[in-house]
Amino acid sequence: MFVNIVVLYFVLINVVTFLIWWIDKRKAVKQKWRISEKTLLVFSLLWWFVWAIFGMQVFNHKTIKSKFLVYFWSAVAVWFVILWFLFYSYLKS
């Protein structure tokens, strides 16, 4: 049951993250108010990064801004450390 809830959570948050990247790209094209880079980074760090990467590639969005990319890939690295720790802890128990 717990695993199902976690899987559902990750599916939903990935969809939300992807939609946020899509909305920001649309607003950028239309030169309207934008979603802040901080919000994009928070979604990538606190929730998940897989669909954020997918959104970056599909929409060709935020792929050149070097400062943003440093922060983004640092968030991805943090997730890999978290996943490694969780996996290691699971194998150890």
N, C-alpha and C. Protein backbone atom coordinates (compact mmCIF):
# COMPACT_ATOMS: atom_id res chain seq x y z
N MET A 1 0.82 -1.20 0.00
CA MET A 1 0.00 0.00 0.00
C MET A 1 0.86 1.26 0.00
N PHE A 2 1.87 1.30 0.87
CA PHE A 2 2.76 2.46 0.96
C PHE A 2 3.48 2.69 -0.37
N VAL A 3 3.93 1.62 -0.99
CA VAL A 3 4.63 1.73 -2.27
C VAL A 3 3.70 2.33 -3.33
N ASN A 4 2.44 1.92 -3.34
CA ASN A 4 1.47 2.47 -4.30
C ASN A 4 1.28 3.97 -4.11
N ILE A 5 1.22 4.40 -2.86
CA ILE A 5 1.06 5.82 -2.57
C ILE A 5 2.29 6.60 -3.03
N VAL A 6 3.47 6.06 -2.78
CA VAL A 6 4.70 6.73 -3.20
C VAL A 6 4.78 6.81 -4.72
N VAL A 7 4.44 5.73 -5.40
CA VAL A 7 4.46 5.72 -6.87
C VAL A 7 3.46 6.73 -7.41
N LEU A 8 2.25 6.75 -6.86
CA LEU A 8 1.24 7.72 -7.29
C LEU A 8 1.72 9.15 -7.06
N TYR A 9 2.33 9.39 -5.91
CA TYR A 9 2.88 10.71 -5.60
C TYR A 9 3.90 11.13 -6.66
N PHE A 10 4.84 10.26 -6.98
CA PHE A 10 5.87 10.61 -7.95
C PHE A 10 5.28 10.81 -9.35
N VAL A 11 4.29 10.05 -9.72
CA VAL A 11 3.65 10.25 -11.02
C VAL A 11 2.98 11.62 -11.05
N LEU A 12 2.21 11.94 -10.03
CA LEU A 12 1.50 13.22 -10.00
C LEU A 12 2.45 14.40 -9.96
N ILE A 13 3.47 14.34 -9.14
CA ILE A 13 4.38 15.47 -9.02
C ILE A 13 5.20 15.64 -10.30
N ASN A 14 5.49 14.55 -10.98
CA ASN A 14 6.19 14.66 -12.26
C ASN A 14 5.31 15.34 -13.30
N VAL A 15 4.03 15.01 -13.33
CA VAL A 15 3.11 15.65 -14.26
C VAL A 15 3.01 17.15 -13.95
N VAL A 16 2.89 17.49 -12.68
CA VAL A 16 2.81 18.90 -12.28
C VAL A 16 4.10 19.63 -12.67
N THR A 17 5.24 19.03 -12.42
CA THR A 17 6.53 19.64 -12.78
C THR A 17 6.61 19.88 -14.28
N PHE A 18 6.23 18.89 -15.07
CA PHE A 18 6.25 19.03 -16.52
C PHE A 18 5.33 20.16 -16.96
N LEU A 19 4.14 20.24 -16.38
CA LEU A 19 3.19 21.29 -16.72
C LEU A 19 3.72 22.67 -16.36
N ILE A 20 4.42 22.78 -15.24
CA ILE A 20 5.00 24.06 -14.86
C ILE A 20 6.03 24.51 -15.88
N TRP A 21 6.86 23.60 -16.36
CA TRP A 21 7.86 23.95 -17.39
C TRP A 21 7.15 24.36 -18.68
N TRP A 22 6.07 23.67 -19.03
CA TRP A 22 5.33 23.99 -20.24
C TRP A 22 4.68 25.38 -20.13
N ILE A 23 4.07 25.65 -18.99
CA ILE A 23 3.44 26.96 -18.78
C ILE A 23 4.47 28.07 -18.85
N ASP A 24 5.62 27.87 -18.22
CA ASP A 24 6.65 28.91 -18.25
C ASP A 24 7.16 29.15 -19.67
N LYS A 25 7.33 28.09 -20.43
CA LYS A 25 7.79 28.26 -21.81
C LYS A 25 6.75 29.00 -22.64
N ARG A 26 5.49 28.67 -22.48
CA ARG A 26 4.43 29.39 -23.21
C ARG A 26 4.42 30.86 -22.85
N LYS A 27 4.59 31.16 -21.57
CA LYS A 27 4.61 32.55 -21.15
C LYS A 27 5.84 33.27 -21.69
N ALA A 28 6.96 32.57 -21.79
CA ALA A 28 8.17 33.18 -22.34
C ALA A 28 7.97 33.53 -23.80
N VAL A 29 7.37 32.64 -24.55
CA VAL A 29 7.13 32.88 -25.98
C VAL A 29 6.18 34.06 -26.17
N LYS A 30 5.17 34.16 -25.31
CA LYS A 30 4.18 35.23 -25.42
C LYS A 30 4.62 36.51 -24.70
N GLN A 31 5.82 36.49 -24.12
CA GLN A 31 6.39 37.61 -23.38
C GLN A 31 5.44 38.11 -22.29
N LYS A 32 4.95 37.17 -21.50
CA LYS A 32 4.06 37.48 -20.38
C LYS A 32 4.79 37.20 -19.07
N TRP A 33 4.09 37.46 -17.97
CA TRP A 33 4.64 37.18 -16.65
C TRP A 33 5.09 35.73 -16.59
N ARG A 34 6.23 35.48 -15.96
CA ARG A 34 6.85 34.15 -15.97
C ARG A 34 6.83 33.51 -14.59
N ILE A 35 6.98 32.21 -14.59
CA ILE A 35 7.20 31.47 -13.35
C ILE A 35 8.67 31.67 -13.00
N SER A 36 8.95 31.95 -11.76
CA SER A 36 10.32 32.27 -11.37
C SER A 36 11.23 31.05 -11.49
N GLU A 37 12.51 31.33 -11.73
CA GLU A 37 13.48 30.24 -11.79
C GLU A 37 13.55 29.53 -10.45
N LYS A 38 13.37 30.27 -9.38
CA LYS A 38 13.38 29.67 -8.05
C LYS A 38 12.29 28.60 -7.94
N THR A 39 11.10 28.89 -8.45
CA THR A 39 10.01 27.92 -8.41
C THR A 39 10.36 26.68 -9.23
N LEU A 40 10.92 26.89 -10.41
CA LEU A 40 11.32 25.75 -11.25
C LEU A 40 12.36 24.89 -10.52
N LEU A 41 13.32 25.55 -9.86
CA LEU A 41 14.35 24.82 -9.13
C LEU A 41 13.78 24.09 -7.92
N VAL A 42 12.85 24.73 -7.22
CA VAL A 42 12.25 24.09 -6.05
C VAL A 42 11.51 22.83 -6.46
N PHE A 43 10.75 22.90 -7.55
CA PHE A 43 10.07 21.70 -8.02
C PHE A 43 11.08 20.62 -8.41
N SER A 44 12.18 21.02 -9.01
CA SER A 44 13.19 20.04 -9.41
C SER A 44 13.91 19.44 -8.21
N LEU A 45 14.13 20.24 -7.18
CA LEU A 45 14.86 19.75 -6.02
C LEU A 45 13.96 19.02 -5.03
N LEU A 46 12.86 19.62 -4.67
CA LEU A 46 12.04 19.06 -3.60
C LEU A 46 11.16 17.91 -4.03
N TRP A 47 10.78 17.89 -5.28
CA TRP A 47 9.86 16.84 -5.68
C TRP A 47 10.50 15.81 -6.60
N TRP A 48 11.03 16.21 -7.68
CA TRP A 48 11.68 15.25 -8.57
C TRP A 48 12.23 16.00 -9.75
N PHE A 49 13.09 15.37 -10.51
CA PHE A 49 13.76 16.08 -11.58
C PHE A 49 13.58 15.44 -12.95
N VAL A 50 13.09 14.23 -13.01
CA VAL A 50 13.02 13.49 -14.27
C VAL A 50 12.19 14.24 -15.31
N TRP A 51 10.99 14.64 -14.94
CA TRP A 51 10.14 15.34 -15.90
C TRP A 51 10.57 16.78 -16.09
N ALA A 52 11.32 17.33 -15.16
CA ALA A 52 11.90 18.66 -15.37
C ALA A 52 12.93 18.57 -16.49
N ILE A 53 13.74 17.53 -16.49
CA ILE A 53 14.71 17.33 -17.57
C ILE A 53 13.97 17.12 -18.89
N PHE A 54 12.93 16.31 -18.84
CA PHE A 54 12.13 16.07 -20.04
C PHE A 54 11.52 17.38 -20.55
N GLY A 55 10.98 18.19 -19.63
CA GLY A 55 10.41 19.48 -20.02
C GLY A 55 11.45 20.42 -20.62
N MET A 56 12.64 20.40 -20.05
CA MET A 56 13.72 21.23 -20.60
C MET A 56 14.01 20.84 -22.04
N GLN A 57 14.06 19.57 -22.30
CA GLN A 57 14.41 19.09 -23.64
C GLN A 57 13.27 19.26 -24.63
N VAL A 58 12.05 18.90 -24.23
CA VAL A 58 10.91 18.98 -25.14
C VAL A 58 10.64 20.43 -25.54
N PHE A 59 10.70 21.34 -24.55
CA PHE A 59 10.37 22.73 -24.82
C PHE A 59 11.59 23.58 -25.12
N ASN A 60 12.77 22.97 -25.12
CA ASN A 60 14.02 23.69 -25.31
C ASN A 60 14.03 24.93 -24.42
N HIS A 61 13.81 24.69 -23.14
CA HIS A 61 13.60 25.78 -22.18
C HIS A 61 14.65 25.73 -21.09
N LYS A 62 15.29 26.85 -20.84
CA LYS A 62 16.32 26.99 -19.81
C LYS A 62 17.53 26.10 -20.10
N THR A 63 17.83 25.88 -21.34
CA THR A 63 18.94 25.00 -21.70
C THR A 63 20.24 25.76 -21.93
N ILE A 64 20.19 27.09 -21.93
CA ILE A 64 21.39 27.88 -22.21
C ILE A 64 21.84 28.67 -20.98
N LYS A 65 20.93 29.00 -20.08
CA LYS A 65 21.25 29.84 -18.93
C LYS A 65 22.18 29.08 -17.98
N SER A 66 23.46 29.41 -18.02
CA SER A 66 24.46 28.63 -17.28
C SER A 66 24.25 28.68 -15.78
N LYS A 67 23.89 29.83 -15.21
CA LYS A 67 23.67 29.91 -13.77
C LYS A 67 22.52 28.99 -13.35
N PHE A 68 21.44 29.02 -14.11
CA PHE A 68 20.31 28.15 -13.81
C PHE A 68 20.70 26.69 -13.93
N LEU A 69 21.45 26.35 -14.97
CA LEU A 69 21.86 24.96 -15.18
C LEU A 69 22.74 24.44 -14.05
N VAL A 70 23.61 25.30 -13.52
CA VAL A 70 24.44 24.88 -12.38
C VAL A 70 23.56 24.52 -11.20
N TYR A 71 22.60 25.39 -10.89
CA TYR A 71 21.69 25.10 -9.79
C TYR A 71 20.84 23.85 -10.07
N PHE A 72 20.35 23.75 -11.28
CA PHE A 72 19.50 22.62 -11.64
C PHE A 72 20.25 21.30 -11.51
N TRP A 73 21.43 21.21 -12.11
CA TRP A 73 22.18 19.95 -12.06
C TRP A 73 22.70 19.66 -10.66
N SER A 74 22.88 20.69 -9.85
CA SER A 74 23.22 20.47 -8.44
C SER A 74 22.03 19.81 -7.73
N ALA A 75 20.82 20.26 -8.06
CA ALA A 75 19.62 19.64 -7.48
C ALA A 75 19.51 18.18 -7.91
N VAL A 76 19.82 17.91 -9.16
CA VAL A 76 19.81 16.53 -9.65
C VAL A 76 20.84 15.69 -8.88
N ALA A 77 22.00 16.25 -8.66
CA ALA A 77 23.05 15.53 -7.92
C ALA A 77 22.59 15.24 -6.49
N VAL A 78 21.90 16.18 -5.87
CA VAL A 78 21.36 15.96 -4.52
C VAL A 78 20.39 14.79 -4.54
N TRP A 79 19.54 14.72 -5.55
CA TRP A 79 18.61 13.60 -5.66
C TRP A 79 19.33 12.27 -5.82
N PHE A 80 20.40 12.26 -6.60
CA PHE A 80 21.15 11.01 -6.76
C PHE A 80 21.77 10.58 -5.43
N VAL A 81 22.24 11.53 -4.65
CA VAL A 81 22.79 11.19 -3.33
C VAL A 81 21.68 10.64 -2.43
N ILE A 82 20.52 11.28 -2.45
CA ILE A 82 19.39 10.81 -1.65
C ILE A 82 18.98 9.40 -2.08
N LEU A 83 18.86 9.19 -3.37
CA LEU A 83 18.47 7.86 -3.86
C LEU A 83 19.51 6.81 -3.53
N TRP A 84 20.78 7.17 -3.67
CA TRP A 84 21.85 6.23 -3.31
C TRP A 84 21.76 5.87 -1.84
N PHE A 85 21.56 6.87 -0.98
CA PHE A 85 21.46 6.63 0.46
C PHE A 85 20.26 5.74 0.78
N LEU A 86 19.11 6.03 0.17
CA LEU A 86 17.92 5.20 0.42
C LEU A 86 18.12 3.77 -0.07
N PHE A 87 18.71 3.63 -1.24
CA PHE A 87 18.96 2.30 -1.78
C PHE A 87 19.96 1.54 -0.91
N TYR A 88 21.03 2.22 -0.50
CA TYR A 88 22.04 1.60 0.35
C TYR A 88 21.43 1.19 1.69
N SER A 89 20.60 2.09 2.28
CA SER A 89 19.96 1.78 3.56
C SER A 89 19.01 0.59 3.42
N TYR A 90 18.30 0.53 2.28
CA TYR A 90 17.38 -0.57 2.05
C TYR A 90 18.13 -1.90 1.92
N LEU A 91 19.25 -1.90 1.20
CA LEU A 91 20.02 -3.12 1.03
C LEU A 91 20.67 -3.55 2.34
N LYS A 92 21.04 -2.58 3.16
CA LYS A 92 21.72 -2.88 4.41
C LYS A 92 20.78 -3.51 5.43
N SER A 93 19.50 -3.18 5.35
CA SER A 93 18.54 -3.70 6.35
C SER A 93 17.97 -5.05 5.97
